[in-house]
């Protein structure tokens, strides 16, 4: 009996040890699972990381032309661009940016920026869906564009190589958006290819620069909505002063989309060629700002909005995807605001002349097709080919 009792007591001890080990394992497994779920549910981007070695800040100034232009005192001279002149005062490299192909639309310009490529507006076949940022419940991304699938389908109708959101998607951790109490237009540039903006900072304009600095401590790409008017120009100067060594600040003047054929609206050149400035943190102070240029336009002082994405990625040491057709923006020469104002008018006049000439060429070409085929096969048989030639020409007409 004694042996039997000892055997039973030993068995109970072994069983108790086994149950204790199993319970400890279950607790540890449960704790690990709980931690993983909590991390995934809170934010899909790491929150506590060392500050990136380099950061790119893309800031959008939304001032309308009425608040950015001052009529020239000399008759026949181009209006003074207060934004360009503000860039000159802070000694940032400056130039003009070609925004869109076709009628200017700010949302389309921002999408082109994220894509690093663009197509004529006529190829899209439909208007942009409403771009409204909404907050989603916990358990995934925090902010999302509900209409993003429609945006992607519309882009692919123009070209399957277009990928809206490619810029933020190419940066590890994505972008941080910093803006006013309600998300502004620039938030489009912070979306990735899924239409997700993973980190958003909203608040008072008085805290904007401090929030940008905080965002730059945790992300390599920060997108900022500046206030319109003088507060926005002051914000540009504050951003430049707060730029750390290794940081790149790109400021874009993107006014609101004008009403179609509105009376008294500014000429289209003030929307199609807007001011752009670039400042590199840690650069030695200069007496005069440099002139921006890129291989996309091959014009000193003129770059394209699709050049912003490859410029940002190159600064971060990331290879630009092949689907981005823009080129890296360089600085060379001296930027003079009055010269850029005059160049804007000249480039617009040249473009308008080329458009008029190309339209005449399309009409003449279609007419020639109609006459030649009409003499050979009859006027009725020539009608369809002539209309087809004219239609294709108008489709690709800028």
Protein backbone atom coordinates (compact mmCIF):
# COMPACT_ATOMS: atom_id res chain seq x y z
CA UNK A 1 0.00 0.00 0.00
CA UNK A 2 2.78 2.32 0.85
CA UNK A 3 4.31 1.80 -2.56
CA UNK A 4 0.94 2.30 -4.22
CA UNK A 5 0.36 5.51 -2.28
CA UNK A 6 3.83 6.82 -3.15
CA UNK A 7 3.24 5.96 -6.82
CA UNK A 8 -0.08 7.79 -6.84
CA UNK A 9 1.47 10.83 -5.11
CA UNK A 10 4.29 10.87 -7.66
CA UNK A 11 1.81 10.66 -10.51
CA UNK A 12 -0.16 13.56 -9.09
CA UNK A 13 3.00 15.66 -8.82
CA UNK A 14 3.98 14.91 -12.42
CA UNK A 15 0.44 15.67 -13.60
CA UNK A 16 0.47 18.97 -11.70
CA UNK A 17 3.79 19.97 -13.24
CA UNK A 18 2.52 19.13 -16.72
CA UNK A 19 -0.63 21.20 -16.18
CA UNK A 20 1.42 24.14 -14.88
CA UNK A 21 3.70 24.07 -17.93
CA UNK A 22 0.71 23.87 -20.27
CA UNK A 23 -0.99 26.78 -18.52
CA UNK A 24 2.16 28.92 -18.69
CA UNK A 25 2.53 28.16 -22.40
CA UNK A 26 -1.08 29.07 -23.06
CA UNK A 27 -0.71 32.37 -21.19
CA UNK A 28 2.46 33.26 -23.09
CA UNK A 29 0.86 32.36 -26.43
CA UNK A 30 -2.23 34.38 -25.59
CA UNK A 31 -0.15 37.39 -24.58
CA UNK A 32 1.80 37.24 -27.83
CA UNK A 33 -1.37 36.96 -29.87
CA UNK A 34 -2.91 39.86 -27.95
CA UNK A 35 0.14 42.06 -28.57
CA UNK A 36 0.15 41.24 -32.29
CA UNK A 37 -3.54 42.03 -32.66
CA UNK A 38 -3.16 45.28 -30.78
CA UNK A 39 -0.26 46.39 -32.97
CA UNK A 40 -2.06 45.50 -36.17
CA UNK A 41 -5.26 47.12 -35.02
CA UNK A 42 -3.72 50.40 -33.90
CA UNK A 43 -1.61 51.33 -36.92
CA UNK A 44 -0.02 49.43 -39.75
CA UNK A 45 2.95 51.81 -39.70
CA UNK A 46 5.57 51.58 -36.91
CA UNK A 47 5.25 54.37 -34.38
CA UNK A 48 8.56 54.41 -32.55
CA UNK A 49 11.52 54.43 -34.91
CA UNK A 50 14.75 56.37 -35.14
CA UNK A 51 14.41 59.59 -37.12
CA UNK A 52 14.91 58.95 -40.87
CA UNK A 53 18.27 60.07 -42.22
CA UNK A 54 16.46 62.01 -44.91
CA UNK A 55 12.96 63.41 -45.18
CA UNK A 56 11.06 65.00 -48.05
CA UNK A 57 8.35 67.54 -47.25
CA UNK A 58 5.90 68.26 -50.09
CA UNK A 59 3.91 71.39 -49.20
CA UNK A 60 0.97 72.69 -51.24
CA UNK A 61 0.08 76.38 -51.26
CA UNK A 62 -3.61 76.73 -52.31
CA UNK A 63 -3.74 80.51 -52.91
CA UNK A 64 -6.04 81.56 -55.77
CA UNK A 65 -4.55 83.74 -58.53
CA UNK A 66 -6.56 86.70 -57.21
CA UNK A 67 -4.51 86.53 -54.02
CA UNK A 68 -1.21 85.68 -55.68
CA UNK A 69 -1.01 88.21 -58.52
CA UNK A 70 -0.37 91.95 -58.37
CA UNK A 71 -0.98 93.91 -61.58
CA UNK A 72 2.21 95.31 -63.05
CA UNK A 73 2.64 99.08 -62.96
CA UNK A 74 3.93 99.08 -66.55
CA UNK A 75 1.29 98.62 -69.20
CA UNK A 76 1.64 95.36 -71.14
CA UNK A 77 3.88 93.72 -68.54
CA UNK A 78 3.07 90.44 -66.84
CA UNK A 79 1.43 90.60 -63.42
CA UNK A 80 3.79 90.22 -60.48
CA UNK A 81 3.57 86.76 -58.92
CA UNK A 82 3.74 87.22 -55.13
CA UNK A 83 4.44 83.51 -54.64
CA UNK A 84 7.49 83.55 -56.94
CA UNK A 85 8.77 86.67 -55.24
CA UNK A 86 8.29 85.11 -51.80
CA UNK A 87 10.36 82.12 -52.95
CA UNK A 88 13.05 84.56 -54.08
CA UNK A 89 13.12 86.27 -50.68
CA UNK A 90 13.80 83.02 -48.82
CA UNK A 91 16.52 82.12 -51.39
CA UNK A 92 14.87 78.84 -52.39
CA UNK A 93 15.57 77.40 -55.83
CA UNK A 94 12.57 78.39 -57.90
CA UNK A 95 10.85 77.89 -61.23
CA UNK A 96 7.53 77.19 -62.89
CA UNK A 97 5.78 73.81 -62.93
CA UNK A 98 3.68 72.56 -65.82
CA UNK A 99 0.62 71.15 -64.04
CA UNK A 100 -1.73 69.19 -66.31
CA UNK A 101 -2.24 68.26 -69.94
CA UNK A 102 -5.48 69.98 -70.83
CA UNK A 103 -7.71 72.12 -68.65
CA UNK A 104 -6.30 72.60 -65.15
CA UNK A 105 -7.83 70.51 -62.37
CA UNK A 106 -6.12 70.57 -58.98
CA UNK A 107 -7.12 67.04 -57.99
CA UNK A 108 -5.86 65.69 -61.31
CA UNK A 109 -2.62 67.62 -60.88
CA UNK A 110 -2.12 66.03 -57.44
CA UNK A 111 -2.88 62.58 -58.82
CA UNK A 112 -0.36 63.16 -61.62
CA UNK A 113 2.16 64.06 -58.92
CA UNK A 114 1.58 60.75 -57.11
CA UNK A 115 1.77 58.81 -60.39
CA UNK A 116 4.92 60.45 -61.72
CA UNK A 117 3.27 60.40 -65.16
CA UNK A 118 0.29 61.93 -66.93
CA UNK A 119 -1.92 61.72 -69.97
CA UNK A 120 -4.11 64.22 -71.84
CA UNK A 121 -7.36 64.82 -69.99
CA UNK A 122 -9.35 63.68 -73.02
CA UNK A 123 -8.03 60.11 -72.67
CA UNK A 124 -9.61 59.53 -69.25
CA UNK A 125 -13.10 59.46 -70.70
CA UNK A 126 -14.83 60.72 -67.55
CA UNK A 127 -14.58 63.29 -64.78
CA UNK A 128 -12.78 62.50 -61.56
CA UNK A 129 -14.95 60.96 -58.85
CA UNK A 130 -15.27 62.92 -55.65
CA UNK A 131 -12.15 62.53 -53.55
CA UNK A 132 -13.36 62.43 -49.96
CA UNK A 133 -11.14 61.11 -47.17
CA UNK A 134 -12.97 59.11 -44.52
CA UNK A 135 -11.83 57.57 -41.27
CA UNK A 136 -12.24 53.81 -40.98
CA UNK A 137 -12.81 51.78 -37.80
CA UNK A 138 -9.80 50.37 -35.97
CA UNK A 139 -8.39 47.10 -37.22
CA UNK A 140 -6.79 48.40 -40.41
CA UNK A 141 -5.86 51.68 -42.05
CA UNK A 142 -7.02 54.83 -40.29
CA UNK A 143 -7.86 57.04 -43.28
CA UNK A 144 -9.00 55.97 -46.74
CA UNK A 145 -10.42 57.41 -49.98
CA UNK A 146 -13.62 55.45 -50.53
CA UNK A 147 -13.68 56.32 -54.23
CA UNK A 148 -10.09 55.20 -54.88
CA UNK A 149 -11.07 52.06 -56.86
CA UNK A 150 -12.98 54.35 -59.25
CA UNK A 151 -9.91 56.60 -59.49
CA UNK A 152 -7.75 53.62 -60.43
CA UNK A 153 -10.22 52.31 -63.01
CA UNK A 154 -10.44 55.75 -64.60
CA UNK A 155 -6.64 55.99 -64.74
CA UNK A 156 -6.33 52.57 -66.36
CA UNK A 157 -8.78 53.61 -69.06
CA UNK A 158 -6.25 56.25 -70.08
CA UNK A 159 -3.22 53.94 -69.69
CA UNK A 160 -2.58 50.72 -67.81
CA UNK A 161 0.82 52.09 -66.80
CA UNK A 162 -0.72 54.80 -64.59
CA UNK A 163 -0.67 53.98 -60.88
CA UNK A 164 -2.27 56.65 -58.65
CA UNK A 165 -0.56 56.71 -55.25
CA UNK A 166 2.71 55.27 -56.52
CA UNK A 167 4.83 57.89 -54.72
CA UNK A 168 3.67 57.12 -51.16
CA UNK A 169 3.57 53.41 -51.98
CA UNK A 170 7.27 53.52 -52.92
CA UNK A 171 8.34 54.96 -49.55
CA UNK A 172 8.70 52.44 -46.69
CA UNK A 173 6.05 53.31 -44.12
CA UNK A 174 4.14 55.52 -46.54
CA UNK A 175 3.46 59.22 -46.06
CA UNK A 176 2.29 61.37 -43.17
CA UNK A 177 -0.26 64.08 -43.95
CA UNK A 178 -0.23 67.32 -41.95
CA UNK A 179 -3.06 69.79 -42.44
CA UNK A 180 -5.82 71.94 -40.93
CA UNK A 181 -8.71 70.75 -38.79
CA UNK A 182 -10.34 69.20 -41.86
CA UNK A 183 -8.19 67.42 -44.50
CA UNK A 184 -7.32 69.73 -47.39
CA UNK A 185 -6.68 69.03 -51.09
CA UNK A 186 -3.02 68.02 -50.66
CA UNK A 187 -4.02 64.86 -48.76
CA UNK A 188 -4.46 63.21 -52.18
CA UNK A 189 -0.67 63.28 -52.56
CA UNK A 190 -0.27 61.26 -49.33
CA UNK A 191 -2.38 58.30 -50.48
CA UNK A 192 -0.77 55.01 -51.48
CA UNK A 193 -1.92 52.75 -54.32
CA UNK A 194 -4.78 51.45 -52.18
CA UNK A 195 -6.04 54.96 -51.43
CA UNK A 196 -4.84 54.70 -47.82
CA UNK A 197 -3.30 57.52 -45.81
CA UNK A 198 -1.87 55.74 -42.81
CA UNK A 199 -0.88 58.71 -40.63
CA UNK A 200 -2.79 61.99 -40.41
CA UNK A 201 -2.13 65.06 -38.25
CA UNK A 202 -4.93 67.64 -38.14
CA UNK A 203 -4.95 70.81 -36.11
CA UNK A 204 -4.58 74.56 -35.92
CA UNK A 205 -2.45 76.48 -38.46
CA UNK A 206 -0.50 77.86 -35.48
CA UNK A 207 0.85 74.38 -34.75
CA UNK A 208 1.49 73.43 -38.39
CA UNK A 209 5.28 73.74 -38.44
CA UNK A 210 5.64 71.95 -35.09
CA UNK A 211 3.47 69.10 -36.38
CA UNK A 212 5.50 68.91 -39.60
CA UNK A 213 8.69 68.65 -37.53
CA UNK A 214 7.12 65.88 -35.45
CA UNK A 215 5.98 64.04 -38.58
CA UNK A 216 9.47 64.30 -40.11
CA UNK A 217 10.82 62.54 -37.02
CA UNK A 218 8.84 59.41 -37.86
CA UNK A 219 8.41 59.40 -41.65
CA UNK A 220 10.54 59.93 -44.74
CA UNK A 221 7.66 61.56 -46.67
CA UNK A 222 5.48 64.34 -45.27
CA UNK A 223 2.69 66.02 -47.25
CA UNK A 224 1.49 69.40 -45.99
CA UNK A 225 -1.51 71.62 -46.69
CA UNK A 226 -0.46 75.23 -46.16
CA UNK A 227 -2.98 78.03 -45.53
CA UNK A 228 -3.89 80.30 -48.43
CA UNK A 229 -2.67 83.88 -48.78
CA UNK A 230 -0.08 85.57 -46.59
CA UNK A 231 -0.29 82.98 -43.77
CA UNK A 232 0.71 80.34 -46.32
CA UNK A 233 3.68 82.38 -47.54
CA UNK A 234 4.75 82.87 -43.92
CA UNK A 235 4.37 79.13 -43.45
CA UNK A 236 6.74 78.49 -46.37
CA UNK A 237 9.40 80.64 -44.71
CA UNK A 238 8.87 78.86 -41.37
CA UNK A 239 9.16 75.44 -43.04
CA UNK A 240 12.41 76.40 -44.71
CA UNK A 241 13.85 77.72 -41.42
CA UNK A 242 12.90 74.49 -39.62
CA UNK A 243 14.39 72.20 -42.26
CA UNK A 244 16.97 69.81 -40.84
CA UNK A 245 20.16 68.71 -42.53
CA UNK A 246 19.40 66.10 -45.14
CA UNK A 247 15.77 67.22 -45.55
CA UNK A 248 14.22 68.39 -48.81
CA UNK A 249 11.30 70.82 -48.92
CA UNK A 250 9.27 71.06 -52.15
CA UNK A 251 6.65 73.82 -52.22
CA UNK A 252 3.99 73.81 -54.95
CA UNK A 253 1.54 76.58 -55.72
CA UNK A 254 -1.66 74.77 -56.76
CA UNK A 255 -4.64 77.16 -56.86
CA UNK A 256 -8.23 75.90 -56.73
CA UNK A 257 -9.77 74.54 -59.93
CA UNK A 258 -11.38 77.50 -61.74
CA UNK A 259 -15.00 77.48 -62.76
CA UNK A 260 -15.46 76.53 -66.40
CA UNK A 261 -15.32 79.62 -68.62
CA UNK A 262 -15.95 81.87 -65.62
CA UNK A 263 -16.03 85.61 -66.32
CA UNK A 264 -13.13 87.48 -64.79
CA UNK A 265 -11.08 84.35 -64.12
CA UNK A 266 -7.32 84.57 -64.38
CA UNK A 267 -5.82 83.49 -67.74
CA UNK A 268 -5.14 79.78 -68.03
CA UNK A 269 -1.36 80.28 -67.96
CA UNK A 270 -1.55 81.08 -64.22
CA UNK A 271 -3.02 77.61 -63.65
CA UNK A 272 -1.00 75.63 -66.21
CA UNK A 273 2.39 77.01 -65.10
CA UNK A 274 2.47 77.62 -61.37
CA UNK A 275 5.31 78.46 -59.01
CA UNK A 276 7.49 75.76 -57.48
CA UNK A 277 10.36 76.04 -54.98
CA UNK A 278 12.87 73.56 -53.59
CA UNK A 279 15.03 73.98 -50.50
CA UNK A 280 17.64 71.51 -49.30
CA UNK A 281 18.35 71.55 -45.58
CA UNK A 282 21.96 72.10 -44.62
CA UNK A 283 22.81 74.07 -47.76
CA UNK A 284 25.00 77.09 -47.29
CA UNK A 285 23.14 80.44 -47.52
CA UNK A 286 23.13 81.88 -51.03
CA UNK A 287 22.74 85.42 -52.32
CA UNK A 288 20.35 84.44 -55.10
CA UNK A 289 18.12 81.39 -55.60
CA UNK A 290 19.00 78.87 -58.28
CA UNK A 291 16.85 78.12 -61.32
CA UNK A 292 15.02 74.79 -61.49
CA UNK A 293 15.10 72.61 -64.60
CA UNK A 294 14.53 69.01 -65.65
CA UNK A 295 14.97 66.77 -68.67
CA UNK A 296 11.19 66.49 -68.99
CA UNK A 297 10.78 70.03 -70.34
CA UNK A 298 14.40 70.88 -71.27
CA UNK A 299 13.58 74.51 -70.53
CA UNK A 300 15.53 76.47 -67.89
CA UNK A 301 13.07 77.54 -65.22
CA UNK A 302 10.32 75.14 -66.30
CA UNK A 303 9.76 71.68 -64.82
CA UNK A 304 6.77 69.34 -64.76
CA UNK A 305 4.65 68.35 -61.79
CA UNK A 306 5.37 64.70 -62.61
CA UNK A 307 9.04 65.44 -61.84
CA UNK A 308 8.26 65.84 -58.11
CA UNK A 309 7.88 62.10 -57.36
CA UNK A 310 11.20 60.94 -58.90
CA UNK A 311 12.95 63.93 -57.30
CA UNK A 312 11.60 62.99 -53.86
CA UNK A 313 12.45 59.29 -54.23
CA UNK A 314 15.96 60.01 -55.53
CA UNK A 315 16.61 62.25 -52.52
CA UNK A 316 15.54 59.39 -50.24
CA UNK A 317 17.85 56.96 -52.02
CA UNK A 318 14.93 55.03 -53.58
CA UNK A 319 14.90 54.08 -57.26
CA UNK A 320 11.93 55.61 -59.04
CA UNK A 321 9.61 52.92 -60.50
CA UNK A 322 9.73 52.47 -64.25
CA UNK A 323 6.13 53.62 -64.52
CA UNK A 324 7.15 57.10 -63.43
CA UNK A 325 8.02 59.13 -66.52
CA UNK A 326 9.13 62.31 -64.75
CA UNK A 327 12.77 63.29 -64.32
CA UNK A 328 14.81 64.50 -61.36
CA UNK A 329 14.66 68.27 -60.87
CA UNK A 330 18.07 69.98 -60.87
CA UNK A 331 19.17 73.49 -59.89
CA UNK A 332 21.45 75.61 -62.03
CA UNK A 333 21.82 79.27 -62.85
CA UNK A 334 20.01 82.10 -61.11
CA UNK A 335 16.25 82.40 -60.66
CA UNK A 336 14.81 85.88 -61.12
CA UNK A 337 11.11 86.26 -60.43
CA UNK A 338 10.51 88.91 -63.08
CA UNK A 339 12.24 86.75 -65.72
CA UNK A 340 10.09 83.75 -64.81
CA UNK A 341 6.95 85.89 -65.03
CA UNK A 342 7.90 86.96 -68.53
CA UNK A 343 8.83 83.40 -69.49
CA UNK A 344 5.40 82.18 -68.37
CA UNK A 345 3.71 84.50 -70.85
CA UNK A 346 6.12 83.58 -73.68
CA UNK A 347 5.72 79.82 -73.12
CA UNK A 348 1.95 80.21 -73.01
CA UNK A 349 1.91 82.22 -76.23
CA UNK A 350 4.14 79.66 -77.97
CA UNK A 351 1.95 76.80 -76.73
CA UNK A 352 -1.21 78.59 -77.84
CA UNK A 353 0.31 79.20 -81.28
CA UNK A 354 1.31 75.56 -81.57
CA UNK A 355 -2.17 74.47 -80.51
CA UNK A 356 -3.76 76.68 -83.15
CA UNK A 357 -1.34 75.38 -85.79
CA UNK A 358 -1.85 71.75 -84.82
CA UNK A 359 -5.65 72.18 -84.89
CA UNK A 360 -5.43 73.60 -88.38
CA UNK A 361 -3.25 70.63 -89.37
CA UNK A 362 -5.86 68.18 -88.06
CA UNK A 363 -8.64 69.89 -90.00
CA UNK A 364 -6.56 70.06 -93.20
CA UNK A 365 -5.50 66.41 -92.85
CA UNK A 366 -9.07 65.20 -92.42
CA UNK A 367 -10.16 67.32 -95.38
CA UNK A 368 -7.41 65.89 -97.59
CA UNK A 369 -8.43 62.33 -96.66
CA UNK A 370 -12.01 63.19 -97.50
CA UNK A 371 -11.15 64.74 -100.89
CA UNK A 372 -8.69 62.02 -102.01
CA UNK A 373 -10.91 59.11 -101.01
CA UNK A 374 -13.95 60.97 -102.31
CA UNK A 375 -12.41 61.32 -105.76
CA UNK A 376 -11.43 57.61 -105.73
CA UNK A 377 -14.31 55.83 -103.99
CA UNK A 378 -17.05 58.44 -103.77
CA UNK A 379 -17.96 61.03 -101.14
CA UNK A 380 -20.12 58.67 -99.07
CA UNK A 381 -17.31 56.10 -98.74
CA UNK A 382 -14.81 58.84 -97.83
CA UNK A 383 -16.88 60.26 -94.98
CA UNK A 384 -16.12 57.60 -92.32
CA UNK A 385 -12.28 57.52 -92.82
CA UNK A 386 -12.11 61.33 -92.80
CA UNK A 387 -14.10 61.54 -89.57
CA UNK A 388 -11.94 58.81 -88.05
CA UNK A 389 -8.72 60.72 -88.85
CA UNK A 390 -10.17 63.96 -87.50
CA UNK A 391 -11.47 62.27 -84.36
CA UNK A 392 -8.15 60.61 -83.57
CA UNK A 393 -6.34 63.89 -84.14
CA UNK A 394 -8.64 65.75 -81.73
CA UNK A 395 -8.29 62.96 -79.16
CA UNK A 396 -4.52 63.46 -78.98
CA UNK A 397 -4.67 67.23 -79.42
CA UNK A 398 -3.20 68.87 -76.30
